[in-house]
Amino acid sequence: MSVNDIHYNISVVSQKLDIPGLKPHCLRHTWITRKIIAGQPIEKVAEFVGDDPETIRKHYIQLTPDYLRSVVD
């Protein structure tokens, strides 16, 4: 399956489910965030998705409930 195939298939699903703006990056973002929330080490998640841990911390860690709870506490 090519990258174009993936984009096309996600576009079809997006239209069928009436989810405007659904892109492959949205699914990537959800997967990374859920792995962090589940307690996976950031280094492992970063390695798996081809990013460095600092990028993961910068773009994803602020979305976890523990991070948000720390703002309130």
Protein backbone atom coordinates (compact mmCIF):
# COMPACT_ATOMS: atom_id res chain seq x y z
CA MET A 1 0.00 0.00 0.00
CA SER A 2 1.42 3.36 -1.01
CA VAL A 3 1.24 6.63 0.89
CA ASN A 4 -1.27 7.87 -1.68
CA ASP A 5 -3.43 4.80 -1.03
CA ILE A 6 -3.41 5.53 2.70
CA HIS A 7 -4.39 9.16 2.14
CA TYR A 8 -7.14 8.12 -0.28
CA ASN A 9 -8.57 5.47 2.06
CA ILE A 10 -8.59 7.83 5.03
CA SER A 11 -10.30 10.44 2.85
CA VAL A 12 -13.02 7.91 1.93
CA VAL A 13 -13.55 6.97 5.59
CA SER A 14 -13.59 10.64 6.55
CA GLN A 15 -16.35 11.34 4.04
CA LYS A 16 -18.41 8.26 4.97
CA LEU A 17 -18.23 9.09 8.68
CA ASP A 18 -18.66 12.83 8.10
CA ILE A 19 -15.41 13.68 9.90
CA PRO A 20 -14.06 16.70 8.03
CA GLY A 21 -10.32 17.23 8.17
CA LEU A 22 -9.40 13.66 9.12
CA LYS A 23 -5.82 13.12 7.96
CA PRO A 24 -3.21 10.42 8.59
CA HIS A 25 -1.44 12.78 11.00
CA CYS A 26 -4.55 12.86 13.20
CA LEU A 27 -4.34 9.09 13.61
CA ARG A 28 -0.60 9.29 14.32
CA HIS A 29 -1.22 12.00 16.90
CA THR A 30 -3.90 9.91 18.61
CA TRP A 31 -1.70 6.79 18.64
CA ILE A 32 1.27 8.64 20.17
CA THR A 33 -0.86 10.38 22.79
CA ARG A 34 -2.57 7.11 23.81
CA LYS A 35 0.78 5.32 24.15
CA ILE A 36 2.11 8.09 26.40
CA ILE A 37 -1.06 8.04 28.52
CA ALA A 38 -0.71 4.24 28.76
CA GLY A 39 2.73 4.74 30.30
CA GLN A 40 4.97 3.75 27.41
CA PRO A 41 8.42 5.32 27.67
CA ILE A 42 8.67 8.42 25.51
CA GLU A 43 11.99 7.20 24.12
CA LYS A 44 10.38 4.01 22.79
CA VAL A 45 7.41 5.85 21.31
CA ALA A 46 9.73 8.37 19.66
CA GLU A 47 11.90 5.64 18.21
CA PHE A 48 8.89 3.76 16.84
CA VAL A 49 7.45 6.80 15.04
CA GLY A 50 10.84 8.11 13.89
CA ASP A 51 10.96 11.22 16.05
CA ASP A 52 13.27 12.26 18.83
CA PRO A 53 12.01 12.27 22.44
CA GLU A 54 12.17 16.08 22.63
CA THR A 55 9.75 16.40 19.70
CA ILE A 56 7.35 14.00 21.41
CA ARG A 57 7.59 15.97 24.66
CA LYS A 58 7.04 19.27 22.84
CA HIS A 59 4.02 18.20 20.80
CA TYR A 60 2.30 15.42 22.74
CA ILE A 61 3.08 15.29 26.48
CA GLN A 62 1.06 18.43 27.26
CA LEU A 63 -2.07 16.57 26.18
CA THR A 64 -1.89 13.83 28.79
CA PRO A 65 -4.25 13.94 31.80
CA ASP A 66 -1.34 13.82 34.27
CA TYR A 67 0.22 16.87 32.68
CA LEU A 68 -3.06 18.75 32.75
CA ARG A 69 -3.72 17.64 36.34
CA SER A 70 -0.34 19.03 37.37
CA VAL A 71 -1.46 22.45 36.16
CA VAL A 72 -4.48 22.36 38.48
CA ASP A 73 -2.79 20.82 41.53
